[in-house]
Amino acid sequence: MCALPVAAARPIVLTAAERHRLKKAAWGHKTEHRARVWVQIVLWAARGRSNARIAVEVGVHVDTVRTWRSRFADLV
């Protein structure tokens, strides 16, 4: 049985200002849950974590991590 190739995770690079703004949102009390999850995924991705590890850390499915990571990379 041959394994299918796995696409490399898209790298995320943040400026200091972006990182600061995202950290505030990640831990802000008024940030809605969905936004908090998205921000945490982006912050972990910027640290070079794998999609699988981010999924475990944040408590979501790896497909969710791939989706949000890709969406953020498309915005930048």
PDB file of N, CA and C in Angstrom:
ATOM      1  N   MET A   1       0.857  -1.174   0.000  1.00  0.00           N
ATOM      2  CA  MET A   1       0.000   0.000   0.000  1.00  0.00           C
ATOM      3  C   MET A   1       0.903   1.237   0.000  1.00  0.00           C
ATOM      4  N   CYS A   2       0.701   2.133  -0.926  1.00  0.00           N
ATOM      5  CA  CYS A   2       1.526   3.343  -0.970  1.00  0.00           C
ATOM      6  C   CYS A   2       0.797   4.490  -0.271  1.00  0.00           C
ATOM      7  N   ALA A   3       1.578   5.272   0.413  1.00  0.00           N
ATOM      8  CA  ALA A   3       1.003   6.406   1.145  1.00  0.00           C
ATOM      9  C   ALA A   3       0.886   7.607   0.225  1.00  0.00           C
ATOM     10  N   LEU A   4      -0.156   8.360   0.406  1.00  0.00           N
ATOM     11  CA  LEU A   4      -0.333   9.584  -0.360  1.00  0.00           C
ATOM     12  C   LEU A   4       0.591  10.666   0.180  1.00  0.00           C
ATOM     13  N   PRO A   5       1.134  11.487  -0.689  1.00  0.00           N
ATOM     14  CA  PRO A   5       2.001  12.565  -0.198  1.00  0.00           C
ATOM     15  C   PRO A   5       1.194  13.586   0.592  1.00  0.00           C
ATOM     16  N   VAL A   6       1.813  14.120   1.615  1.00  0.00           N
ATOM     17  CA  VAL A   6       1.168  15.124   2.446  1.00  0.00           C
ATOM     18  C   VAL A   6       1.745  16.484   2.073  1.00  0.00           C
ATOM     19  N   ALA A   7       0.869  17.421   1.770  1.00  0.00           N
ATOM     20  CA  ALA A   7       1.317  18.762   1.418  1.00  0.00           C
ATOM     21  C   ALA A   7       1.967  19.428   2.623  1.00  0.00           C
ATOM     22  N   ALA A   8       3.022  20.156   2.363  1.00  0.00           N
ATOM     23  CA  ALA A   8       3.702  20.870   3.441  1.00  0.00           C
ATOM     24  C   ALA A   8       2.802  21.983   3.969  1.00  0.00           C
ATOM     25  N   ALA A   9       2.862  22.187   5.265  1.00  0.00           N
ATOM     26  CA  ALA A   9       2.085  23.259   5.884  1.00  0.00           C
ATOM     27  C   ALA A   9       2.603  24.600   5.389  1.00  0.00           C
ATOM     28  N   ARG A  10       1.689  25.505   5.103  1.00  0.00           N
ATOM     29  CA  ARG A  10       2.085  26.820   4.620  1.00  0.00           C
ATOM     30  C   ARG A  10       2.705  27.622   5.756  1.00  0.00           C
ATOM     31  N   PRO A  11       3.884  28.184   5.509  1.00  0.00           N
ATOM     32  CA  PRO A  11       4.539  28.951   6.578  1.00  0.00           C
ATOM     33  C   PRO A  11       3.793  30.255   6.870  1.00  0.00           C
ATOM     34  N   ILE A  12       3.781  30.625   8.121  1.00  0.00           N
ATOM     35  CA  ILE A  12       3.156  31.869   8.568  1.00  0.00           C
ATOM     36  C   ILE A  12       4.242  32.730   9.190  1.00  0.00           C
ATOM     37  N   VAL A  13       4.371  33.952   8.697  1.00  0.00           N
ATOM     38  CA  VAL A  13       5.340  34.895   9.247  1.00  0.00           C
ATOM     39  C   VAL A  13       4.571  36.127   9.701  1.00  0.00           C
ATOM     40  N   LEU A  14       4.773  36.507  10.960  1.00  0.00           N
ATOM     41  CA  LEU A  14       4.071  37.647  11.535  1.00  0.00           C
ATOM     42  C   LEU A  14       5.047  38.765  11.869  1.00  0.00           C
ATOM     43  N   THR A  15       4.588  39.989  11.713  1.00  0.00           N
ATOM     44  CA  THR A  15       5.375  41.118  12.201  1.00  0.00           C
ATOM     45  C   THR A  15       5.153  41.211  13.705  1.00  0.00           C
ATOM     46  N   ALA A  16       5.969  41.998  14.366  1.00  0.00           N
ATOM     47  CA  ALA A  16       5.812  42.173  15.813  1.00  0.00           C
ATOM     48  C   ALA A  16       4.442  42.772  16.136  1.00  0.00           C
ATOM     49  N   ALA A  17       3.997  43.710  15.318  1.00  0.00           N
ATOM     50  CA  ALA A  17       2.694  44.340  15.550  1.00  0.00           C
ATOM     51  C   ALA A  17       1.555  43.342  15.362  1.00  0.00           C
ATOM     52  N   GLU A  18       1.648  42.507  14.330  1.00  0.00           N
ATOM     53  CA  GLU A  18       0.607  41.498  14.104  1.00  0.00           C
ATOM     54  C   GLU A  18       0.569  40.498  15.263  1.00  0.00           C
ATOM     55  N   ARG A  19       1.749  40.056  15.678  1.00  0.00           N
ATOM     56  CA  ARG A  19       1.816  39.099  16.787  1.00  0.00           C
ATOM     57  C   ARG A  19       1.198  39.688  18.051  1.00  0.00           C
ATOM     58  N   HIS A  20       1.506  40.954  18.348  1.00  0.00           N
ATOM     59  CA  HIS A  20       0.962  41.619  19.538  1.00  0.00           C
ATOM     60  C   HIS A  20      -0.565  41.702  19.461  1.00  0.00           C
ATOM     61  N   ARG A  21      -1.082  42.117  18.303  1.00  0.00           N
ATOM     62  CA  ARG A  21      -2.524  42.249  18.125  1.00  0.00           C
ATOM     63  C   ARG A  21      -3.219  40.890  18.252  1.00  0.00           C
ATOM     64  N   LEU A  22      -2.624  39.856  17.674  1.00  0.00           N
ATOM     65  CA  LEU A  22      -3.223  38.524  17.749  1.00  0.00           C
ATOM     66  C   LEU A  22      -3.178  37.959  19.168  1.00  0.00           C
ATOM     67  N   LYS A  23      -2.093  38.210  19.883  1.00  0.00           N
ATOM     68  CA  LYS A  23      -2.012  37.743  21.269  1.00  0.00           C
ATOM     69  C   LYS A  23      -3.085  38.401  22.133  1.00  0.00           C
ATOM     70  N   LYS A  24      -3.318  39.693  21.909  1.00  0.00           N
ATOM     71  CA  LYS A  24      -4.386  40.375  22.660  1.00  0.00           C
ATOM     72  C   LYS A  24      -5.735  39.735  22.375  1.00  0.00           C
ATOM     73  N   ALA A  25      -5.986  39.414  21.109  1.00  0.00           N
ATOM     74  CA  ALA A  25      -7.259  38.797  20.731  1.00  0.00           C
ATOM     75  C   ALA A  25      -7.378  37.378  21.277  1.00  0.00           C
ATOM     76  N   ALA A  26      -6.267  36.657  21.303  1.00  0.00           N
ATOM     77  CA  ALA A  26      -6.293  35.264  21.762  1.00  0.00           C
ATOM     78  C   ALA A  26      -6.673  35.156  23.230  1.00  0.00           C
ATOM     79  N   TRP A  27      -6.292  36.132  24.008  1.00  0.00           N
ATOM     80  CA  TRP A  27      -6.550  36.050  25.440  1.00  0.00           C
ATOM     81  C   TRP A  27      -7.551  37.085  25.934  1.00  0.00           C
ATOM     82  N   GLY A  28      -8.150  37.850  25.016  1.00  0.00           N
ATOM     83  CA  GLY A  28      -9.136  38.850  25.395  1.00  0.00           C
ATOM     84  C   GLY A  28     -10.429  38.204  25.864  1.00  0.00           C
ATOM     85  N   HIS A  29     -11.011  38.771  26.888  1.00  0.00           N
ATOM     86  CA  HIS A  29     -12.239  38.207  27.454  1.00  0.00           C
ATOM     87  C   HIS A  29     -13.451  38.426  26.569  1.00  0.00           C
ATOM     88  N   LYS A  30     -13.385  39.415  25.693  1.00  0.00           N
ATOM     89  CA  LYS A  30     -14.536  39.710  24.842  1.00  0.00           C
ATOM     90  C   LYS A  30     -14.427  39.074  23.461  1.00  0.00           C
ATOM     91  N   THR A  31     -13.336  38.348  23.206  1.00  0.00           N
ATOM     92  CA  THR A  31     -13.152  37.691  21.915  1.00  0.00           C
ATOM     93  C   THR A  31     -14.047  36.460  21.851  1.00  0.00           C
ATOM     94  N   GLU A  32     -14.827  36.346  20.770  1.00  0.00           N
ATOM     95  CA  GLU A  32     -15.704  35.188  20.640  1.00  0.00           C
ATOM     96  C   GLU A  32     -14.872  33.923  20.437  1.00  0.00           C
ATOM     97  N   HIS A  33     -15.447  32.791  20.773  1.00  0.00           N
ATOM     98  CA  HIS A  33     -14.727  31.520  20.761  1.00  0.00           C
ATOM     99  C   HIS A  33     -14.134  31.200  19.388  1.00  0.00           C
ATOM    100  N   ARG A  34     -14.910  31.357  18.341  1.00  0.00           N
ATOM    101  CA  ARG A  34     -14.444  31.030  16.988  1.00  0.00           C
ATOM    102  C   ARG A  34     -13.213  31.862  16.622  1.00  0.00           C
ATOM    103  N   ALA A  35     -13.243  33.146  16.938  1.00  0.00           N
ATOM    104  CA  ALA A  35     -12.106  34.023  16.643  1.00  0.00           C
ATOM    105  C   ALA A  35     -10.900  33.634  17.486  1.00  0.00           C
ATOM    106  N   ARG A  36     -11.126  33.267  18.724  1.00  0.00           N
ATOM    107  CA  ARG A  36     -10.031  32.868  19.608  1.00  0.00           C
ATOM    108  C   ARG A  36      -9.328  31.612  19.068  1.00  0.00           C
ATOM    109  N   VAL A  37     -10.099  30.648  18.588  1.00  0.00           N
ATOM    110  CA  VAL A  37      -9.522  29.433  18.013  1.00  0.00           C
ATOM    111  C   VAL A  37      -8.695  29.781  16.779  1.00  0.00           C
ATOM    112  N   TRP A  38      -9.242  30.609  15.912  1.00  0.00           N
ATOM    113  CA  TRP A  38      -8.545  31.027  14.694  1.00  0.00           C
ATOM    114  C   TRP A  38      -7.218  31.707  15.026  1.00  0.00           C
ATOM    115  N   VAL A  39      -7.247  32.607  15.984  1.00  0.00           N
ATOM    116  CA  VAL A  39      -6.046  33.344  16.374  1.00  0.00           C
ATOM    117  C   VAL A  39      -5.009  32.397  16.980  1.00  0.00           C
ATOM    118  N   GLN A  40      -5.430  31.477  17.821  1.00  0.00           N
ATOM    119  CA  GLN A  40      -4.490  30.540  18.420  1.00  0.00           C
ATOM    120  C   GLN A  40      -3.835  29.660  17.352  1.00  0.00           C
ATOM    121  N   ILE A  41      -4.599  29.246  16.355  1.00  0.00           N
ATOM    122  CA  ILE A  41      -4.040  28.455  15.254  1.00  0.00           C
ATOM    123  C   ILE A  41      -2.962  29.251  14.532  1.00  0.00           C
ATOM    124  N   VAL A  42      -3.240  30.505  14.228  1.00  0.00           N
ATOM    125  CA  VAL A  42      -2.276  31.345  13.517  1.00  0.00           C
ATOM    126  C   VAL A  42      -1.021  31.562  14.359  1.00  0.00           C
ATOM    127  N   LEU A  43      -1.185  31.822  15.646  1.00  0.00           N
ATOM    128  CA  LEU A  43      -0.025  32.035  16.509  1.00  0.00           C
ATOM    129  C   LEU A  43       0.850  30.779  16.607  1.00  0.00           C
ATOM    130  N   TRP A  44       0.242  29.610  16.759  1.00  0.00           N
ATOM    131  CA  TRP A  44       1.013  28.368  16.810  1.00  0.00           C
ATOM    132  C   TRP A  44       1.701  28.120  15.469  1.00  0.00           C
ATOM    133  N   ALA A  45       1.005  28.398  14.375  1.00  0.00           N
ATOM    134  CA  ALA A  45       1.591  28.199  13.044  1.00  0.00           C
ATOM    135  C   ALA A  45       2.799  29.104  12.840  1.00  0.00           C
ATOM    136  N   ALA A  46       2.713  30.327  13.331  1.00  0.00           N
ATOM    137  CA  ALA A  46       3.827  31.267  13.203  1.00  0.00           C
ATOM    138  C   ALA A  46       5.043  30.798  13.995  1.00  0.00           C
ATOM    139  N   ARG A  47       4.821  29.977  14.985  1.00  0.00           N
ATOM    140  CA  ARG A  47       5.934  29.419  15.768  1.00  0.00           C
ATOM    141  C   ARG A  47       6.526  28.183  15.102  1.00  0.00           C
ATOM    142  N   GLY A  48       5.966  27.792  13.963  1.00  0.00           N
ATOM    143  CA  GLY A  48       6.513  26.668  13.217  1.00  0.00           C
ATOM    144  C   GLY A  48       5.971  25.306  13.609  1.00  0.00           C
ATOM    145  N   ARG A  49       4.866  25.280  14.353  1.00  0.00           N
ATOM    146  CA  ARG A  49       4.287  24.008  14.780  1.00  0.00           C
ATOM    147  C   ARG A  49       3.610  23.311  13.593  1.00  0.00           C
ATOM    148  N   SER A  50       3.566  21.988  13.650  1.00  0.00           N
ATOM    149  CA  SER A  50       2.886  21.210  12.614  1.00  0.00           C
ATOM    150  C   SER A  50       1.377  21.334  12.795  1.00  0.00           C
ATOM    151  N   ASN A  51       0.645  21.061  11.722  1.00  0.00           N
ATOM    152  CA  ASN A  51      -0.810  21.120  11.795  1.00  0.00           C
ATOM    153  C   ASN A  51      -1.353  20.130  12.820  1.00  0.00           C
ATOM    154  N   ALA A  52      -0.764  18.942  12.873  1.00  0.00           N
ATOM    155  CA  ALA A  52      -1.231  17.920  13.817  1.00  0.00           C
ATOM    156  C   ALA A  52      -1.022  18.376  15.262  1.00  0.00           C
ATOM    157  N   ARG A  53       0.119  18.968  15.532  1.00  0.00           N
ATOM    158  CA  ARG A  53       0.398  19.426  16.905  1.00  0.00           C
ATOM    159  C   ARG A  53      -0.522  20.589  17.279  1.00  0.00           C
ATOM    160  N   ILE A  54      -0.756  21.502  16.339  1.00  0.00           N
ATOM    161  CA  ILE A  54      -1.661  22.627  16.604  1.00  0.00           C
ATOM    162  C   ILE A  54      -3.053  22.102  16.910  1.00  0.00           C
ATOM    163  N   ALA A  55      -3.503  21.105  16.148  1.00  0.00           N
ATOM    164  CA  ALA A  55      -4.842  20.534  16.360  1.00  0.00           C
ATOM    165  C   ALA A  55      -4.982  20.004  17.782  1.00  0.00           C
ATOM    166  N   VAL A  56      -3.952  19.341  18.273  1.00  0.00           N
ATOM    167  CA  VAL A  56      -3.980  18.808  19.641  1.00  0.00           C
ATOM    168  C   VAL A  56      -3.978  19.947  20.651  1.00  0.00           C
ATOM    169  N   GLU A  57      -3.107  20.931  20.456  1.00  0.00           N
ATOM    170  CA  GLU A  57      -2.987  22.057  21.390  1.00  0.00           C
ATOM    171  C   GLU A  57      -4.286  22.861  21.499  1.00  0.00           C
ATOM    172  N   VAL A  58      -4.922  23.107  20.349  1.00  0.00           N
ATOM    173  CA  VAL A  58      -6.113  23.956  20.324  1.00  0.00           C
ATOM    174  C   VAL A  58      -7.382  23.145  20.580  1.00  0.00           C
ATOM    175  N   GLY A  59      -7.339  21.852  20.293  1.00  0.00           N
ATOM    176  CA  GLY A  59      -8.506  21.000  20.520  1.00  0.00           C
ATOM    177  C   GLY A  59      -9.472  20.987  19.359  1.00  0.00           C
ATOM    178  N   VAL A  60      -8.935  21.025  18.139  1.00  0.00           N
ATOM    179  CA  VAL A  60      -9.766  20.983  16.940  1.00  0.00           C
ATOM    180  C   VAL A  60      -9.236  19.899  16.009  1.00  0.00           C
ATOM    181  N   HIS A  61      -9.969  19.629  14.944  1.00  0.00           N
ATOM    182  CA  HIS A  61      -9.543  18.640  13.952  1.00  0.00           C
ATOM    183  C   HIS A  61      -8.436  19.235  13.090  1.00  0.00           C
ATOM    184  N   VAL A  62      -7.542  18.378  12.618  1.00  0.00           N
ATOM    185  CA  VAL A  62      -6.419  18.854  11.810  1.00  0.00           C
ATOM    186  C   VAL A  62      -6.900  19.549  10.529  1.00  0.00           C
ATOM    187  N   ASP A  63      -8.042  19.158   9.994  1.00  0.00           N
ATOM    188  CA  ASP A  63      -8.580  19.836   8.806  1.00  0.00           C
ATOM    189  C   ASP A  63      -8.949  21.282   9.115  1.00  0.00           C
ATOM    190  N   THR A  64      -9.404  21.533  10.323  1.00  0.00           N
ATOM    191  CA  THR A  64      -9.716  22.900  10.742  1.00  0.00           C
ATOM    192  C   THR A  64      -8.447  23.737  10.761  1.00  0.00           C
ATOM    193  N   VAL A  65      -7.375  23.157  11.259  1.00  0.00           N
ATOM    194  CA  VAL A  65      -6.091  23.864  11.285  1.00  0.00           C
ATOM    195  C   VAL A  65      -5.632  24.170   9.870  1.00  0.00           C
ATOM    196  N   ARG A  66      -5.701  23.188   8.991  1.00  0.00           N
ATOM    197  CA  ARG A  66      -5.295  23.406   7.593  1.00  0.00           C
ATOM    198  C   ARG A  66      -6.096  24.534   6.956  1.00  0.00           C
ATOM    199  N   THR A  67      -7.386  24.540   7.198  1.00  0.00           N
ATOM    200  CA  THR A  67      -8.260  25.556   6.608  1.00  0.00           C
ATOM    201  C   THR A  67      -7.885  26.948   7.085  1.00  0.00           C
ATOM    202  N   TRP A  68      -7.777  27.142   8.393  1.00  0.00           N
ATOM    203  CA  TRP A  68      -7.497  28.467   8.928  1.00  0.00           C
ATOM    204  C   TRP A  68      -6.088  28.923   8.609  1.00  0.00           C
ATOM    205  N   ARG A  69      -5.154  28.003   8.635  1.00  0.00           N
ATOM    206  CA  ARG A  69      -3.769  28.344   8.285  1.00  0.00           C
ATOM    207  C   ARG A  69      -3.696  28.818   6.830  1.00  0.00           C
ATOM    208  N   SER A  70      -4.379  28.105   5.958  1.00  0.00           N
ATOM    209  CA  SER A  70      -4.397  28.472   4.540  1.00  0.00           C
ATOM    210  C   SER A  70      -5.095  29.809   4.314  1.00  0.00           C
ATOM    211  N   ARG A  71      -6.202  30.028   4.993  1.00  0.00           N
ATOM    212  CA  ARG A  71      -6.929  31.302   4.847  1.00  0.00           C
ATOM    213  C   ARG A  71      -6.073  32.473   5.283  1.00  0.00           C
ATOM    214  N   PHE A  72      -5.363  32.319   6.387  1.00  0.00           N
ATOM    215  CA  PHE A  72      -4.512  33.416   6.856  1.00  0.00           C
ATOM    216  C   PHE A  72      -3.371  33.654   5.878  1.00  0.00           C
ATOM    217  N   ALA A  73      -2.766  32.586   5.381  1.00  0.00           N
ATOM    218  CA  ALA A  73      -1.659  32.732   4.423  1.00  0.00           C
ATOM    219  C   ALA A  73      -2.135  33.429   3.151  1.00  0.00           C
ATOM    220  N   ASP A  74      -3.379  33.171   2.746  1.00  0.00           N
ATOM    221  CA  ASP A  74      -3.932  33.842   1.558  1.00  0.00           C
ATOM    222  C   ASP A  74      -4.155  35.331   1.791  1.00  0.00           C
ATOM    223  N   LEU A  75      -4.434  35.718   3.022  1.00  0.00           N
ATOM    224  CA  LEU A  75      -4.669  37.122   3.337  1.00  0.00           C
ATOM    225  C   LEU A  75      -3.379  37.942   3.300  1.00  0.00           C
ATOM    226  N   VAL A  76      -2.290  37.308   3.639  1.00  0.00           N
ATOM    227  CA  VAL A  76      -1.005  38.013   3.764  1.00  0.00           C
ATOM    228  C   VAL A  76      -0.290  38.088   2.468  1.00  0.00           C
TER     229      VAL A  76
END
